[in-house]
Amino acid sequence: MPKTTTDRFVTAFNAHDEKALNELHADDIKFNAPGGFKATNAKDATAFAMTWLKAFPDGKMKVRSEITSGPWVVQEILMEGTHTAPLESPSGTIAPTYKKVVGYGVQLLRVENGKIAEARIYFDQLDQMKQLGLIPTPATV
């Protein structure tokens, strides 16, 4: 059942369990995330999650709402954590800001044979950068 797999994924993510995360990704996963990140194997898809968890050691994911249809699970998620370690990004390393980030996102997950075969992740990068203090917040009128 797809929801069982995605529930296990959220549990493994919140436990920062790299081995369990890797085992939940299909060997030939199709993975896309903001910033142009793409992965076509379990190791690289797991690395995406671990990069965030290493930079935000108290990082957690909470599922706010969820829809399941056939092999697909769509989750509205709340992510939060404190940026206390370097964050590796496609544009370079972001030094710790020691700021707490709270952000919302959506993940579309297709499950086959108990593994995540496809993942499309969406979140507001601009809001994340503002919360980290890396770009100015526009003045209010």
Protein backbone atom coordinates (compact mmCIF):
# COMPACT_ATOMS: atom_id res chain seq x y z
CA MET A 1 0.00 0.00 0.00
CA PRO A 2 1.47 3.35 -1.04
CA LYS A 3 0.48 5.16 2.16
CA THR A 4 2.31 2.60 4.30
CA THR A 5 5.49 3.30 2.33
CA THR A 6 5.14 7.08 2.56
CA ASP A 7 4.39 6.86 6.30
CA ARG A 8 7.61 4.86 6.70
CA PHE A 9 9.45 7.53 4.68
CA VAL A 10 8.26 10.34 6.98
CA THR A 11 9.23 8.27 10.05
CA ALA A 12 12.70 7.56 8.61
CA PHE A 13 13.16 11.22 7.65
CA ASN A 14 12.25 12.43 11.15
CA ALA A 15 14.60 9.83 12.66
CA HIS A 16 17.36 10.99 10.26
CA ASP A 17 17.74 7.31 9.32
CA GLU A 18 19.83 7.36 6.13
CA LYS A 19 19.76 3.58 5.72
CA ALA A 20 15.96 3.39 5.96
CA LEU A 21 15.55 6.34 3.58
CA ASN A 22 17.81 4.68 1.02
CA GLU A 23 15.90 1.39 1.31
CA LEU A 24 12.61 3.20 0.66
CA HIS A 25 13.83 4.70 -2.64
CA ALA A 26 13.64 2.51 -5.76
CA ASP A 27 17.01 1.83 -7.39
CA ASP A 28 15.82 3.62 -10.54
CA ILE A 29 13.81 6.41 -8.88
CA LYS A 30 12.84 9.50 -10.87
CA PHE A 31 13.41 12.35 -8.41
CA ASN A 32 13.02 16.09 -9.03
CA ALA A 33 13.31 18.97 -6.56
CA PRO A 34 13.68 22.77 -6.69
CA GLY A 35 16.95 24.20 -7.88
CA GLY A 36 17.11 21.77 -10.77
CA PHE A 37 18.04 18.81 -8.56
CA LYS A 38 17.43 15.48 -10.26
CA ALA A 39 18.26 11.95 -9.18
CA THR A 40 17.91 8.66 -11.02
CA ASN A 41 19.07 6.33 -8.25
CA ALA A 42 18.34 5.67 -4.59
CA LYS A 43 21.73 6.90 -3.38
CA ASP A 44 21.34 10.37 -4.90
CA ALA A 45 17.69 10.72 -3.84
CA THR A 46 18.67 9.84 -0.28
CA ALA A 47 21.58 12.30 -0.44
CA PHE A 48 19.10 15.11 -1.16
CA ALA A 49 17.25 14.41 2.11
CA MET A 50 20.45 13.90 4.09
CA THR A 51 21.93 17.20 2.85
CA TRP A 52 19.00 19.03 4.41
CA LEU A 53 19.04 16.93 7.59
CA LYS A 54 22.77 17.48 8.10
CA ALA A 55 22.36 21.26 7.79
CA PHE A 56 19.26 21.23 10.02
CA PRO A 57 20.07 18.56 12.65
CA ASP A 58 16.76 19.16 14.43
CA GLY A 59 14.88 19.03 11.11
CA LYS A 60 11.44 17.44 11.06
CA MET A 61 8.67 16.90 8.52
CA LYS A 62 4.98 16.91 9.40
CA VAL A 63 2.28 15.83 6.98
CA ARG A 64 -0.53 18.41 7.13
CA SER A 65 -2.79 16.82 4.52
CA GLU A 66 -2.57 13.85 2.21
CA ILE A 67 -4.36 12.41 -0.81
CA THR A 68 -3.83 8.87 -2.09
CA SER A 69 -4.91 7.74 -5.55
CA GLY A 70 -3.70 4.42 -6.92
CA PRO A 71 0.11 4.34 -6.64
CA TRP A 72 0.31 8.10 -5.94
CA VAL A 73 0.46 9.86 -2.58
CA VAL A 74 0.36 13.66 -2.52
CA GLN A 75 1.40 15.25 0.76
CA GLU A 76 1.26 18.84 1.94
CA ILE A 77 4.17 19.03 4.35
CA LEU A 78 5.49 21.38 7.00
CA MET A 79 9.27 21.36 7.33
CA GLU A 80 11.09 22.98 10.21
CA GLY A 81 14.56 23.03 11.60
CA THR A 82 17.44 25.22 12.75
CA HIS A 83 20.31 25.83 10.32
CA THR A 84 23.35 24.93 12.47
CA ALA A 85 25.64 23.21 9.94
CA PRO A 86 26.78 23.97 6.37
CA LEU A 87 24.08 23.50 3.72
CA GLU A 88 25.38 22.16 0.42
CA SER A 89 23.41 23.62 -2.48
CA PRO A 90 23.76 23.63 -6.28
CA SER A 91 25.07 27.20 -6.06
CA GLY A 92 27.60 26.46 -3.31
CA THR A 93 27.87 25.93 0.43
CA ILE A 94 25.73 28.08 2.72
CA ALA A 95 27.39 28.66 6.09
CA PRO A 96 25.24 28.09 9.18
CA THR A 97 22.94 31.03 9.94
CA TYR A 98 21.63 29.58 13.23
CA LYS A 99 18.13 30.63 12.17
CA LYS A 100 15.00 28.53 12.46
CA VAL A 101 13.19 27.85 9.20
CA VAL A 102 9.53 26.88 8.92
CA GLY A 103 8.27 26.16 5.43
CA TYR A 104 5.51 24.43 3.56
CA GLY A 105 5.85 22.21 0.55
CA VAL A 106 4.23 19.48 -1.49
CA GLN A 107 5.59 16.10 -2.48
CA LEU A 108 4.08 13.86 -5.12
CA LEU A 109 5.23 10.31 -4.53
CA ARG A 110 4.58 7.28 -6.74
CA VAL A 111 5.05 3.95 -4.98
CA GLU A 112 5.80 0.64 -6.70
CA ASN A 113 6.59 -2.61 -4.90
CA GLY A 114 6.83 -0.87 -1.54
CA LYS A 115 9.40 1.70 -2.73
CA ILE A 116 9.20 5.30 -3.89
CA ALA A 117 9.65 5.05 -7.66
CA GLU A 118 9.02 8.70 -8.44
CA ALA A 119 9.19 11.85 -6.33
CA ARG A 120 8.42 15.43 -7.27
CA ILE A 121 9.21 17.87 -4.48
CA TYR A 122 8.03 21.51 -4.41
CA PHE A 123 8.84 24.18 -1.83
CA ASP A 124 9.30 27.95 -1.75
CA GLN A 125 13.05 28.52 -2.09
CA LEU A 126 12.64 32.31 -1.90
CA ASP A 127 10.87 32.11 1.45
CA GLN A 128 13.52 29.71 2.76
CA MET A 129 16.32 32.09 1.74
CA LYS A 130 14.50 35.03 3.41
CA GLN A 131 14.10 33.07 6.65
CA LEU A 132 17.81 32.21 6.61
CA GLY A 133 18.61 35.92 6.21
CA LEU A 134 20.34 35.33 2.87
CA ILE A 135 18.15 37.78 0.97
CA PRO A 136 16.36 40.86 2.29
CA THR A 137 12.69 40.77 3.12
CA PRO A 138 10.84 43.38 1.05
CA ALA A 139 9.68 46.43 2.98
CA THR A 140 5.97 46.65 3.65
CA VAL A 141 4.01 49.59 2.29
